[in-house]
Each structure stands twice: as C-alpha cells, then as structure tokens.
Amino acid sequence: MSDKRRLGKGLGALIPDAVSGSQETDRVDLDRIKANPFQPRKEFDEDRLKELAESIREHGVLQAVVLSPDGDDYILVAGERRCRAARMAGLRAVPAIVKHYSENKLLEIALVENLQREDLNPVEEARAYRQLMKDYNYTQEDLAKKIGKGRSSIANSIRLLALPAIVLDALNNGTITPGQARPLLSIEDTEKQKEAGRTIITYQLSAREAERLAARICNEGKNVNKKEQQEEKQDPLYDALQLEIQRKLGTKVRIKRAPPGGIIEIHYYGDEDFDMLVQKLLPEGLK
C-alpha cells in the first residue's frame, strides 16, 4: 500500500492542503525546524532511514513536510522521517507547507499521521490510540474510520498496554510480536503472567505455542487433587528443577518423587506439541 493511500481521509481531513498539494510550498532550512514535542514515535529504523536518504540524494524530497510557525522557527507537524533522512543526505533545506496549528492539533496530526503510515511499534501504536481516545474523546469506532482499520484491531492493540513491563519492553524493541504477547492477557495472576512472558521471550515461542502455554497456565491445578499438590510442594529444590525444565521445554512438567526413584512427567497437548518436544529432546533425530 502506498503512502498516499495510507494517508487517506483521516490525515487529509486534518491537513487537507498537505494531502491535496493545492497550497504552494516553501523551502525551509532544516536548522530552523524543531521536532514536534508531541511526536508519539520514539524509535526510528536506521537502515530504513539510510534507504530513504539514498532515495532523497537521487530524487530529492518528493513530498513536502508540514510545519507550524513558532517564533522565527517552525515546529514539525508531519514528516519527521523525511527531515531526518534529508539531514543524512546532506540537504540544508526541504520543501514545506507552513500552516498555523494549535497545540492540540499538533498532537492529533502527529498521532494520526504515524498511525496511518504504520510507522509506530506495537506499544507506541497502542499508546497513540489511548491518547487520542483520552484527549480527543475518540471512540474505537471513530479511530477505526479515521485510521482505516477494524475496530477489533484497535481494541486488541490497546489491550496490550495491560501487559507487564517486561513484555511491553520486548514488544517495544521487536523481540516478540503482538501475536506472541496477546495470549498472556488471559492469565489473571500477575506473577504467572510475567513468568509466561519470560518463557515466550527466552525460548521465542510461536504465537500458537504461546496460546497453548497460556491455556495450560489458566487450567493449571483445576484437575489436580490435594495429595498431588502437597507432593509438588514438599521440596523447594524439586519445585525449582521442575520450573526450569518447564521453561526449557515450553510445556507442563511434573516431578513425582517415590524414593529411591521417581517419575518425570512431560505433558503434550496434540501432535504439534509432541513434534516440538521431540525436536527439543532429540535435536539430531533418531540414530
């Protein structure tokens, strides 16, 4: 999907001249352009910026940035990637559309532009939705129409913010995806949620594996009798070993002691689970 199509009616309704190109543009020195203090995007992909800088060296800045006057200088309303790449390309000035915007409008445009261009990571995106709903009384339905996404997509995005910090950090830096993180929302116990998050991150469980892990944790103990629960709690060392083996295999494990020996139970919940366990236990296959 092209950038022009992504901009669509949402940003066009906010800054129509920037989309239609009906207003004449000026060239403004980059040194006079200040960052938008309401910019929701915090992370910028260095490789993609370099690619854009190469394109700008060859073709120039094809789409004007949008600025708002601020004394003798300007605040960047839309086009931060273009400005950053233009600096990398060695340009001293960029084409710009200059219009007066209120502080509230600066925030609204910055949020909507980034959302429509899909420039935000999952956490930044969720926080942008939440901020638009809080500051501008948008409903999820309003956002769906403005951004061009389904209402359920926006709802699922916002729900991610309920996850613990360790999971949000992993989403923020791209270690895991929303599909891997979302199953954790079904776990009510905060500590178990954190532990499951660490397992997903450490062993890079797929979204399906994460769903199975969350389901197992939610159902844990429902069919375990009191005698079995007591056996599992008898020795902290065995509890720690059991937990570590579960982390390693990504599935439920129980150690049952019956001195002088005992049993280690490894649970699986379908053919895919079984195949995953076989690959982990026998990485070189049968000999």
Protein backbone atom coordinates (compact mmCIF):
# COMPACT_ATOMS: atom_id res chain seq x y z
CA MET A 1 0.00 0.00 0.00
CA SER A 2 1.41 3.36 -0.98
CA ASP A 3 1.93 6.22 1.47
CA LYS A 4 -0.64 8.27 -0.41
CA ARG A 5 -3.28 5.61 0.08
CA ARG A 6 -2.40 5.21 3.76
CA LEU A 7 -2.89 8.92 4.33
CA GLY A 8 -6.44 8.57 3.09
CA LYS A 9 -9.29 10.56 4.56
CA GLY A 10 -8.03 10.72 8.14
CA LEU A 11 -4.92 12.88 7.73
CA GLY A 12 -6.47 14.55 4.71
CA ALA A 13 -9.29 15.81 6.89
CA LEU A 14 -6.79 17.21 9.38
CA ILE A 15 -4.34 18.80 6.93
CA PRO A 16 -6.09 18.80 3.53
CA ASP A 17 -3.54 21.06 1.84
CA ALA A 18 -0.75 18.67 2.72
CA VAL A 19 -2.56 15.83 1.00
CA SER A 20 -4.02 17.64 -1.98
CA GLY A 21 -0.92 19.69 -2.72
CA SER A 22 -3.11 22.69 -3.53
CA GLN A 23 -1.03 25.08 -1.44
CA GLU A 24 2.32 26.40 -2.64
CA THR A 25 5.30 25.12 -0.73
CA ASP A 26 8.35 26.95 0.59
CA ARG A 27 11.85 25.66 1.13
CA VAL A 28 12.75 25.87 4.80
CA ASP A 29 16.21 25.43 6.32
CA LEU A 30 16.43 22.24 8.35
CA ASP A 31 18.19 24.18 11.12
CA ARG A 32 15.00 26.16 11.66
CA ILE A 33 12.79 23.07 12.03
CA LYS A 34 12.19 21.85 15.59
CA ALA A 35 10.87 18.40 16.47
CA ASN A 36 7.21 18.07 17.36
CA PRO A 37 7.15 17.69 21.16
CA PHE A 38 4.03 15.53 20.78
CA GLN A 39 5.65 13.05 18.39
CA PRO A 40 4.48 9.58 19.57
CA ARG A 41 7.20 7.74 17.69
CA LYS A 42 10.37 7.17 19.71
CA GLU A 43 12.20 4.53 17.66
CA PHE A 44 13.44 5.07 14.08
CA ASP A 45 14.83 2.23 11.97
CA GLU A 46 18.34 3.32 11.00
CA ASP A 47 18.52 1.09 7.90
CA ARG A 48 15.22 2.39 6.54
CA LEU A 49 16.35 5.96 7.17
CA LYS A 50 19.53 5.27 5.18
CA GLU A 51 17.45 3.85 2.32
CA LEU A 52 15.26 6.95 2.32
CA ALA A 53 18.37 9.18 2.45
CA GLU A 54 19.73 7.44 -0.67
CA SER A 55 16.42 8.00 -2.43
CA ILE A 56 16.47 11.68 -1.42
CA ARG A 57 20.04 12.08 -2.74
CA GLU A 58 18.86 10.77 -6.10
CA HIS A 59 15.36 12.23 -6.40
CA GLY A 60 15.11 14.90 -3.71
CA VAL A 61 12.28 15.21 -1.16
CA LEU A 62 9.20 14.41 -3.24
CA GLN A 63 6.56 15.19 -0.61
CA ALA A 64 6.64 18.42 1.39
CA VAL A 65 6.79 18.26 5.16
CA VAL A 66 4.17 20.18 7.14
CA LEU A 67 5.28 22.90 9.57
CA SER A 68 3.68 25.29 12.03
CA PRO A 69 5.31 28.68 12.79
CA ASP A 70 6.97 29.02 16.19
CA GLY A 71 8.53 32.48 16.51
CA ASP A 72 11.32 32.69 13.93
CA ASP A 73 11.42 28.92 13.63
CA TYR A 74 8.97 26.11 12.88
CA ILE A 75 7.57 23.05 14.62
CA LEU A 76 7.46 19.89 12.54
CA VAL A 77 3.87 18.72 12.20
CA ALA A 78 4.28 15.86 9.73
CA GLY A 79 7.33 14.38 8.01
CA GLU A 80 9.93 13.60 10.67
CA ARG A 81 11.41 10.65 8.75
CA ARG A 82 11.84 12.86 5.69
CA CYS A 83 13.62 15.52 7.75
CA ARG A 84 15.93 13.01 9.40
CA ALA A 85 16.75 11.36 6.08
CA ALA A 86 17.26 14.75 4.40
CA ARG A 87 19.86 15.63 7.06
CA MET A 88 21.57 12.28 6.45
CA ALA A 89 21.57 13.03 2.72
CA GLY A 90 23.31 16.35 3.36
CA LEU A 91 20.42 18.64 2.41
CA ARG A 92 20.21 22.07 4.02
CA ALA A 93 16.54 22.75 3.28
CA VAL A 94 13.36 20.83 2.48
CA PRO A 95 10.08 21.71 0.74
CA ALA A 96 7.46 22.56 3.34
CA ILE A 97 3.84 23.57 3.72
CA VAL A 98 3.56 26.15 6.51
CA LYS A 99 0.28 26.48 8.38
CA HIS A 100 -0.74 27.64 11.84
CA TYR A 101 -1.89 24.82 14.14
CA SER A 102 -2.96 24.84 17.75
CA GLU A 103 -1.09 22.72 20.28
CA ASN A 104 -3.95 20.22 20.39
CA LYS A 105 -3.99 19.92 16.62
CA LEU A 106 -0.22 19.33 16.57
CA LEU A 107 -0.69 16.31 18.80
CA GLU A 108 -3.68 14.97 16.88
CA ILE A 109 -1.97 15.23 13.49
CA ALA A 110 1.26 13.66 14.75
CA LEU A 111 -0.65 10.69 16.16
CA VAL A 112 -2.87 10.14 13.14
CA GLU A 113 -0.05 10.52 10.61
CA ASN A 114 2.13 7.94 12.32
CA LEU A 115 -0.75 5.52 12.74
CA GLN A 116 -1.78 5.77 9.09
CA ARG A 117 1.78 5.37 7.86
CA GLU A 118 2.24 2.34 10.13
CA ASP A 119 5.41 3.95 11.49
CA LEU A 120 4.87 3.02 15.15
CA ASN A 121 5.89 -0.13 17.02
CA PRO A 122 3.03 -2.02 18.77
CA VAL A 123 3.45 -0.23 22.11
CA GLU A 124 3.70 3.24 20.54
CA GLU A 125 0.64 2.43 18.43
CA ALA A 126 -1.41 1.30 21.44
CA ARG A 127 -0.40 4.39 23.43
CA ALA A 128 -1.30 6.62 20.48
CA TYR A 129 -4.79 5.10 20.28
CA ARG A 130 -5.25 5.52 24.01
CA GLN A 131 -4.09 9.13 23.88
CA LEU A 132 -6.43 10.00 21.02
CA MET A 133 -9.33 8.46 22.93
CA LYS A 134 -8.40 10.27 26.14
CA ASP A 135 -7.53 13.71 24.75
CA TYR A 136 -10.00 13.95 21.85
CA ASN A 137 -12.85 11.73 23.03
CA TYR A 138 -12.47 9.41 20.05
CA THR A 139 -14.33 6.12 20.30
CA GLN A 140 -12.78 2.94 18.92
CA GLU A 141 -15.29 3.23 16.06
CA ASP A 142 -14.13 6.79 15.33
CA LEU A 143 -10.50 5.66 15.23
CA ALA A 144 -11.32 2.71 13.01
CA LYS A 145 -12.83 5.05 10.42
CA LYS A 146 -10.08 7.66 10.67
CA ILE A 147 -7.15 5.19 10.56
CA GLY A 148 -8.72 2.72 8.15
CA LYS A 149 -8.51 -0.30 10.46
CA GLY A 150 -11.06 -2.61 12.06
CA ARG A 151 -12.43 -1.70 15.47
CA SER A 152 -11.33 -5.06 16.89
CA SER A 153 -7.78 -4.37 15.72
CA ILE A 154 -7.72 -1.13 17.71
CA ALA A 155 -9.27 -2.81 20.76
CA ASN A 156 -6.68 -5.61 20.67
CA SER A 157 -3.90 -3.08 20.34
CA ILE A 158 -4.99 -1.08 23.39
CA ARG A 159 -5.36 -4.25 25.48
CA LEU A 160 -1.63 -4.89 25.10
CA LEU A 161 -0.93 -1.99 27.47
CA ALA A 162 -2.25 -4.12 30.34
CA LEU A 163 0.74 -6.47 29.98
CA PRO A 164 3.70 -6.31 32.40
CA ALA A 165 6.70 -4.09 31.68
CA ILE A 166 8.98 -6.98 30.67
CA VAL A 167 6.56 -7.90 27.86
CA LEU A 168 6.00 -4.29 26.77
CA ASP A 169 9.78 -3.81 26.54
CA ALA A 170 10.06 -6.89 24.32
CA LEU A 171 7.25 -5.58 22.08
CA ASN A 172 8.89 -2.16 22.00
CA ASN A 173 12.22 -3.49 20.73
CA GLY A 174 10.73 -6.09 18.38
CA THR A 175 11.86 -9.16 20.35
CA ILE A 176 8.30 -10.55 20.20
CA THR A 177 5.17 -9.73 18.22
CA PRO A 178 1.64 -8.83 19.42
CA GLY A 179 0.54 -12.33 18.38
CA GLN A 180 3.06 -13.85 20.79
CA ALA A 181 2.18 -11.44 23.60
CA ARG A 182 -1.62 -11.34 23.37
CA PRO A 183 -2.27 -14.82 24.87
CA LEU A 184 -0.76 -13.56 28.14
CA LEU A 185 -3.83 -11.36 28.65
CA SER A 186 -5.83 -14.46 29.54
CA ILE A 187 -3.62 -15.11 32.60
CA GLU A 188 -5.06 -13.30 35.62
CA ASP A 189 -2.19 -13.91 38.07
CA THR A 190 0.39 -11.14 37.52
CA GLU A 191 3.40 -13.22 38.57
CA LYS A 192 2.38 -16.14 36.37
CA GLN A 193 1.82 -13.67 33.54
CA LYS A 194 5.37 -12.33 33.96
CA GLU A 195 6.81 -15.84 34.15
CA ALA A 196 4.98 -16.91 31.00
CA GLY A 197 6.21 -13.73 29.29
CA ARG A 198 9.81 -14.59 30.17
CA THR A 199 9.31 -18.08 28.75
CA ILE A 200 7.90 -16.75 25.48
CA ILE A 201 10.75 -14.24 25.15
CA THR A 202 13.56 -16.60 26.18
CA TYR A 203 12.52 -19.53 24.00
CA GLN A 204 10.89 -17.49 21.23
CA LEU A 205 7.67 -19.49 21.34
CA SER A 206 5.44 -19.03 18.32
CA ALA A 207 2.03 -17.41 18.70
CA ARG A 208 0.41 -20.87 18.71
CA GLU A 209 2.86 -22.13 21.34
CA ALA A 210 2.21 -19.01 23.43
CA GLU A 211 -1.53 -19.68 23.24
CA ARG A 212 -1.03 -23.25 24.44
CA LEU A 213 1.27 -22.11 27.25
CA ALA A 214 -1.28 -19.54 28.45
CA ALA A 215 -4.10 -22.10 28.26
CA ARG A 216 -2.09 -24.58 30.33
CA ILE A 217 -1.37 -21.96 32.99
CA CYS A 218 -5.04 -20.92 33.15
CA ASN A 219 -6.09 -24.56 33.60
CA GLU A 220 -3.27 -25.41 35.98
CA GLY A 221 -4.40 -27.09 39.16
CA LYS A 222 -8.06 -27.47 38.16
CA ASN A 223 -7.81 -31.27 37.98
CA VAL A 224 -5.02 -31.82 40.50
CA ASN A 225 -6.02 -33.38 43.81
CA LYS A 226 -4.79 -32.18 47.20
CA LYS A 227 -2.37 -35.08 47.64
CA GLU A 228 -0.62 -34.27 44.34
CA GLN A 229 -0.48 -30.56 45.23
CA GLN A 230 1.14 -31.45 48.56
CA GLU A 231 3.71 -33.69 46.85
CA GLU A 232 4.69 -30.89 44.48
CA LYS A 233 5.28 -28.50 47.39
CA GLN A 234 7.36 -30.80 49.56
CA ASP A 235 10.83 -29.82 48.36
CA PRO A 236 11.73 -26.34 47.03
CA LEU A 237 14.69 -27.82 45.11
CA TYR A 238 12.39 -30.09 43.11
CA ASP A 239 10.00 -27.19 42.56
CA ALA A 240 12.85 -25.13 41.10
CA LEU A 241 14.03 -28.01 38.91
CA GLN A 242 10.50 -28.63 37.70
CA LEU A 243 10.06 -24.97 36.78
CA GLU A 244 13.40 -24.85 34.95
CA ILE A 245 12.55 -27.97 32.91
CA GLN A 246 9.17 -26.42 32.05
CA ARG A 247 10.92 -23.28 30.84
CA LYS A 248 13.32 -25.34 28.75
CA LEU A 249 10.63 -27.44 27.09
CA GLY A 250 7.83 -24.86 26.98
CA THR A 251 5.29 -27.32 28.36
CA LYS A 252 3.95 -28.61 31.68
CA VAL A 253 6.34 -30.89 33.57
CA ARG A 254 5.78 -32.70 36.89
CA ILE A 255 8.37 -34.40 39.04
CA LYS A 256 6.93 -37.14 41.26
CA ARG A 257 9.28 -38.50 43.88
CA ALA A 258 8.98 -42.09 45.08
CA PRO A 259 12.28 -42.73 46.90
CA PRO A 260 14.68 -44.12 45.95
CA GLY A 261 13.49 -43.14 42.46
CA GLY A 262 10.65 -41.20 40.92
CA ILE A 263 8.92 -40.14 37.72
CA ILE A 264 9.27 -37.09 35.46
CA GLU A 265 6.05 -36.42 33.55
CA ILE A 266 6.20 -34.32 30.37
CA HIS A 267 2.80 -33.24 29.10
CA TYR A 268 1.88 -32.50 25.50
CA TYR A 269 -1.43 -31.40 24.02
CA GLY A 270 -1.56 -32.53 20.43
CA ASP A 271 0.63 -33.61 17.54
CA GLU A 272 2.26 -30.18 17.17
CA ASP A 273 3.20 -30.16 20.86
CA PHE A 274 4.62 -33.66 20.54
CA ASP A 275 6.70 -32.74 17.48
CA MET A 276 8.03 -29.64 19.26
CA LEU A 277 9.10 -31.74 22.28
CA VAL A 278 10.77 -34.36 20.09
CA GLN A 279 12.76 -31.65 18.30
CA LYS A 280 13.91 -30.19 21.63
CA LEU A 281 14.75 -33.53 23.23
CA LEU A 282 16.23 -35.14 20.11
CA PRO A 283 17.57 -32.23 18.01
CA GLU A 284 19.62 -34.60 15.85
CA GLY A 285 16.75 -37.05 15.39
CA LEU A 286 16.77 -40.81 15.83
CA LYS A 287 20.04 -42.67 15.29
